[in-house]
Amino acid sequence: MKNIIITGTSRGIGYELALQFANAGHQVLAISRNIPTVLLEHEQITCLSVDLSNESELENVTAFLNSSWKIVDALIHNAGFLICKPFENLTSLDFEQVYKVNVFAVANLTRICLPFMSKGSHVVTVSSIGGVRGSLKFPGLAAYSSSKGAVITLSELLAEEYKEQGISFNVLALGAVQTEMLQEAFPGYVAPISAAKMANYIFDFTLNGNVYFNGKVLEVSTTNP
């Protein structure tokens, strides 16, 4: 049994991941602004309502770890915020909102969890294929895709910085997945893979991927976006 922290668990991949880990017998700390009743009622899941864009609310995570778990085996940065606009219409506030969730929260939550991690712990950041150098870029995603590129570099740096402690950092750069966020950004677009199927992959990678990878970016995509 492992202690797994997952962000963005109100819907989509994060929701499916929380249930998969919990149903497999692991302890899950599910972090999201909105808390689904199914997760709240699951005996293996602890839910925290946290707005990741508000750094002060992350103190709730610190308090929980100090009082309860003491150990974090895996951290999955799954939460994401997407704004789809032509670049000329993007404002500084748009960029700030995206980066607060997709970059700053990743750094802040990682910093909080590191004192509770040890050799064998695994930090998995869910990025996007759009954040990978040389991949096809889609108009309207300047803020989102650039933020996903930022966390790729951050993960590579942290892998090097913490390799002596045996803590692994890896990135999964996902292509299109059929989630609510995708539908909101691209109405009518149908992705070839469901949130539940992608969660299956991330579930296994979180538990076993650090045996084979550290500081790596794995492209998990059959599509361009």
Protein backbone atom coordinates (compact mmCIF):
# COMPACT_ATOMS: atom_id res chain seq x y z
CA MET A 1 0.00 0.00 0.00
CA LYS A 2 1.34 3.42 -1.00
CA ASN A 3 0.42 7.00 -0.22
CA ILE A 4 -0.50 8.76 -3.47
CA ILE A 5 -1.28 12.47 -3.92
CA ILE A 6 -3.24 13.43 -7.04
CA THR A 7 -4.29 16.92 -8.13
CA GLY A 8 -7.21 17.78 -10.36
CA THR A 9 -9.45 14.98 -9.12
CA SER A 10 -12.85 16.59 -9.62
CA ARG A 11 -13.24 15.10 -13.09
CA GLY A 12 -11.46 13.52 -16.04
CA ILE A 13 -8.16 11.71 -15.67
CA GLY A 14 -7.60 12.79 -12.06
CA TYR A 15 -10.98 11.46 -10.96
CA GLU A 16 -10.34 8.13 -12.66
CA LEU A 17 -6.85 7.91 -11.17
CA ALA A 18 -8.09 8.54 -7.64
CA LEU A 19 -10.58 5.69 -7.94
CA GLN A 20 -8.07 3.31 -9.52
CA PHE A 21 -5.47 3.81 -6.83
CA ALA A 22 -8.04 3.64 -4.03
CA ASN A 23 -9.72 0.52 -5.42
CA ALA A 24 -6.29 -1.11 -5.65
CA GLY A 25 -5.83 -0.58 -1.91
CA HIS A 26 -3.63 2.52 -1.90
CA GLN A 27 -4.23 5.60 0.23
CA VAL A 28 -5.12 8.62 -1.89
CA LEU A 29 -5.04 12.32 -1.12
CA ALA A 30 -7.33 13.83 -3.76
CA ILE A 31 -6.83 17.57 -4.28
CA SER A 32 -9.27 19.69 -6.24
CA ARG A 33 -11.46 22.74 -5.84
CA ASN A 34 -14.65 20.69 -6.20
CA ILE A 35 -15.00 17.33 -4.49
CA PRO A 36 -17.09 14.57 -6.12
CA THR A 37 -19.30 12.67 -3.69
CA VAL A 38 -17.97 9.32 -4.92
CA LEU A 39 -14.42 10.24 -3.87
CA LEU A 40 -15.55 11.79 -0.60
CA GLU A 41 -17.32 8.57 0.40
CA HIS A 42 -14.46 6.21 -0.51
CA GLU A 43 -12.70 4.90 2.59
CA GLN A 44 -9.28 4.91 0.91
CA ILE A 45 -9.53 8.54 -0.23
CA THR A 46 -8.98 11.75 1.70
CA CYS A 47 -10.26 14.80 -0.16
CA LEU A 48 -8.94 18.33 0.25
CA SER A 49 -10.67 21.28 -1.36
CA VAL A 50 -7.78 23.43 -2.54
CA ASP A 51 -7.51 26.15 -5.15
CA LEU A 52 -4.06 25.42 -6.53
CA SER A 53 -3.74 28.95 -7.88
CA ASN A 54 -3.86 30.22 -4.28
CA GLU A 55 -0.52 29.35 -2.69
CA SER A 56 -1.80 29.91 0.85
CA GLU A 57 -4.39 27.14 0.44
CA LEU A 58 -1.58 24.62 -0.07
CA GLU A 59 -0.88 24.97 3.65
CA ASN A 60 -3.80 22.55 4.09
CA VAL A 61 -1.68 19.90 2.38
CA THR A 62 1.24 20.59 4.69
CA ALA A 63 -1.01 20.31 7.72
CA PHE A 64 -2.43 16.99 6.53
CA LEU A 65 0.97 15.47 5.85
CA ASN A 66 2.32 16.58 9.20
CA SER A 67 -0.64 15.25 11.13
CA SER A 68 -1.49 12.12 9.21
CA TRP A 69 0.59 10.48 6.50
CA LYS A 70 4.18 11.52 7.25
CA ILE A 71 5.22 9.73 4.02
CA VAL A 72 4.49 10.46 0.34
CA ASP A 73 5.27 7.66 -2.10
CA ALA A 74 4.01 9.35 -5.25
CA LEU A 75 2.80 12.76 -6.34
CA ILE A 76 0.85 13.13 -9.58
CA HIS A 77 0.55 16.66 -10.92
CA ASN A 78 -2.55 16.18 -13.02
CA ALA A 79 -4.46 19.45 -12.55
CA GLY A 80 -4.48 21.75 -15.52
CA PHE A 81 -5.99 25.04 -16.59
CA LEU A 82 -6.54 25.79 -20.27
CA ILE A 83 -7.42 29.02 -22.03
CA CYS A 84 -7.95 28.80 -25.78
CA LYS A 85 -7.71 32.23 -27.42
CA PRO A 86 -5.90 33.78 -30.35
CA PHE A 87 -2.58 35.12 -29.09
CA GLU A 88 -3.52 38.73 -29.82
CA ASN A 89 -6.45 38.38 -27.42
CA LEU A 90 -4.51 36.78 -24.58
CA THR A 91 -3.93 39.10 -21.64
CA SER A 92 -1.31 39.09 -18.93
CA LEU A 93 -4.02 37.92 -16.56
CA ASP A 94 -4.76 34.95 -18.84
CA PHE A 95 -1.11 33.92 -18.78
CA GLU A 96 -0.96 34.43 -15.03
CA GLN A 97 -4.03 32.26 -14.40
CA VAL A 98 -2.68 29.44 -16.56
CA TYR A 99 0.82 29.55 -15.10
CA LYS A 100 -0.44 29.70 -11.50
CA VAL A 101 -2.09 26.28 -11.90
CA ASN A 102 0.11 24.61 -14.50
CA VAL A 103 3.55 25.75 -13.32
CA PHE A 104 3.64 27.57 -9.98
CA ALA A 105 1.35 25.07 -8.22
CA VAL A 106 3.48 22.20 -9.52
CA ALA A 107 6.60 23.81 -8.05
CA ASN A 108 4.92 24.77 -4.77
CA LEU A 109 3.26 21.42 -4.12
CA THR A 110 6.45 19.56 -4.99
CA ARG A 111 8.37 21.71 -2.51
CA ILE A 112 5.79 20.89 0.18
CA CYS A 113 5.94 17.14 -0.47
CA LEU A 114 9.71 16.68 -0.78
CA PRO A 115 10.38 16.54 3.00
CA PHE A 116 7.98 13.59 3.15
CA MET A 117 9.60 11.73 0.26
CA SER A 118 12.48 9.29 0.31
CA LYS A 119 14.30 6.86 -1.95
CA GLY A 120 11.81 5.29 -4.35
CA SER A 121 9.33 8.16 -4.32
CA HIS A 122 8.05 9.22 -7.71
CA VAL A 123 6.81 12.60 -8.94
CA VAL A 124 4.83 12.36 -12.17
CA THR A 125 3.85 15.53 -14.01
CA VAL A 126 1.13 15.35 -16.62
CA SER A 127 2.15 17.66 -19.44
CA SER A 128 0.99 17.95 -23.04
CA ILE A 129 2.43 16.90 -26.35
CA GLY A 130 2.03 20.57 -27.26
CA GLY A 131 4.71 21.42 -24.70
CA VAL A 132 7.31 19.15 -26.31
CA ARG A 133 9.93 20.74 -28.53
CA GLY A 134 9.35 20.03 -32.21
CA SER A 135 5.75 18.86 -31.82
CA LEU A 136 2.93 20.36 -33.87
CA LYS A 137 1.54 23.44 -32.12
CA PHE A 138 -2.13 24.41 -32.22
CA PRO A 139 -3.35 28.01 -32.51
CA GLY A 140 -5.01 29.41 -29.41
CA LEU A 141 -2.90 27.46 -26.93
CA ALA A 142 0.02 29.86 -26.46
CA ALA A 143 -0.46 30.15 -22.69
CA TYR A 144 -1.36 26.51 -22.10
CA SER A 145 1.29 24.83 -24.25
CA SER A 146 4.08 27.15 -23.11
CA SER A 147 3.19 26.36 -19.48
CA LYS A 148 3.36 22.66 -20.26
CA GLY A 149 6.80 23.17 -21.75
CA ALA A 150 7.88 24.94 -18.56
CA VAL A 151 7.02 22.01 -16.29
CA ILE A 152 8.95 19.66 -18.56
CA THR A 153 12.13 21.64 -17.95
CA LEU A 154 11.32 21.94 -14.25
CA SER A 155 10.97 18.17 -13.91
CA GLU A 156 14.26 17.55 -15.73
CA LEU A 157 16.03 19.95 -13.37
CA LEU A 158 14.51 18.42 -10.24
CA ALA A 159 15.44 14.91 -11.38
CA GLU A 160 19.07 15.99 -11.44
CA GLU A 161 18.87 17.91 -8.19
CA TYR A 162 17.32 15.05 -6.20
CA LYS A 163 18.86 12.00 -7.85
CA GLU A 164 21.16 11.37 -4.87
CA GLN A 165 18.10 11.08 -2.63
CA GLY A 166 16.60 8.51 -4.99
CA ILE A 167 13.50 10.60 -5.74
CA SER A 168 12.45 10.32 -9.39
CA PHE A 169 10.79 12.97 -11.55
CA ASN A 170 9.21 12.12 -14.87
CA VAL A 171 6.80 13.75 -17.30
CA LEU A 172 4.03 12.22 -19.37
CA ALA A 173 3.27 14.45 -22.35
CA LEU A 174 -0.27 13.49 -23.32
CA GLY A 175 -2.04 13.91 -26.61
CA ALA A 176 -5.77 14.40 -26.93
CA VAL A 177 -7.82 12.62 -24.25
CA GLN A 178 -11.60 12.69 -24.11
CA THR A 179 -12.09 14.88 -21.06
CA GLU A 180 -14.40 17.71 -20.07
CA MET A 181 -11.52 20.20 -20.37
CA LEU A 182 -10.88 19.15 -23.97
CA GLN A 183 -14.55 19.49 -24.86
CA GLU A 184 -14.73 22.93 -23.32
CA ALA A 185 -11.71 24.09 -25.32
CA PHE A 186 -12.56 22.30 -28.59
CA PRO A 187 -16.33 21.64 -28.75
CA GLY A 188 -17.17 18.73 -30.99
CA TYR A 189 -13.65 17.31 -31.13
CA VAL A 190 -13.56 13.59 -30.35
CA ALA A 191 -10.32 12.24 -28.89
CA PRO A 192 -9.29 8.64 -29.59
CA ILE A 193 -8.72 7.70 -25.95
CA SER A 194 -10.90 7.99 -22.86
CA ALA A 195 -9.92 9.46 -19.51
CA ALA A 196 -10.25 6.03 -17.90
CA LYS A 197 -7.88 4.39 -20.40
CA MET A 198 -5.27 7.11 -19.99
CA ALA A 199 -5.62 6.77 -16.23
CA ASN A 200 -4.77 3.08 -16.61
CA TYR A 201 -1.47 4.02 -18.21
CA ILE A 202 -0.62 6.70 -15.64
CA PHE A 203 -1.54 4.35 -12.79
CA ASP A 204 0.98 1.75 -13.91
CA PHE A 205 3.64 4.32 -14.79
CA THR A 206 3.40 5.97 -11.39
CA LEU A 207 3.98 2.69 -9.59
CA ASN A 208 6.65 1.27 -11.90
CA GLY A 209 8.00 3.91 -14.27
CA ASN A 210 10.67 5.21 -11.90
CA VAL A 211 12.38 1.81 -12.08
CA TYR A 212 13.25 2.58 -15.70
CA PHE A 213 13.10 6.37 -16.04
CA ASN A 214 14.22 9.52 -14.26
CA GLY A 215 14.21 13.03 -15.68
CA LYS A 216 12.50 11.77 -18.82
CA VAL A 217 9.64 13.02 -20.97
CA LEU A 218 7.48 10.27 -22.41
CA GLU A 219 5.14 11.20 -25.24
CA VAL A 220 1.88 9.33 -24.72
CA SER A 221 -0.09 10.21 -27.79
CA THR A 222 -1.60 8.81 -30.96
CA THR A 223 -2.58 12.32 -32.05
CA ASN A 224 -0.93 15.70 -32.59
CA PRO A 225 -2.82 17.93 -30.11
